[in-house]
Amino acid sequence: MELSEALNNRKSTRHYIDKKVDKSLLDEMLSAANLAPSWKNSQTPRFYVATGEKSKNAVREALPEFNRKNSENASAYIVTTVVLNRSGFDKDGTAVTEIGNGWGYYDLGLNNMALLLKATELGISTLVMGIRDGEKLRKEFDIPETEAVVSVIAVGYTDSEIVRPKRKSLEDFAKFYEE
């Protein structure tokens, strides 16, 4: 699959069928995420992958009701985190720019996009959910305080035809300065 095809085909899925995503495919998705660039190669994104019923139920319990419903029958949930105070910081802990930890979150976004595009290439559906109880997830998956819990990605298969919402035109989000 060409990149433009993956970009056009990737959609947020809110209806999953009860079909398991093989671990080897999850490994491919995570390996693709790991290829994303990061601030000074800091590689601060972390992924906690729930595939068993107990761990998936723990993730569901950390989601609001509408996201539990949207991700029902997902084969796996990926809890995404970022190590704080590393990406965008000097070795002495000083922020290099005014953005500070924003660079770590930026890097995680790059990782997540690579993961989502690889999933699309593999025929796997995803849903990124930012509304979650981070402390419940931290406790369940023993996530250290040095990491920020950012999102949960539902992973699975769908039998629904998803219509992509209309996208903004180029003129609505980009400005060119030719002088």
Foldseek 3Di string as FASTA:
>chain_A
DDLVVLVVQADAAQAFDQDADDVVLVVVLQVQLQPFDAAVSQSFKDKDKDQDPVSVVLQLVFAPPSSVNSQPNFRMKIWMKGQAQPGQHDPVSHRPDPCHRVRRVVSSVRSVVSSSSSCSVVQKHKHKAQRTNQVSVCVVRVPDPSMGGGIMMGIHHHPDDDDHPDDDDCVVPDDDDDD
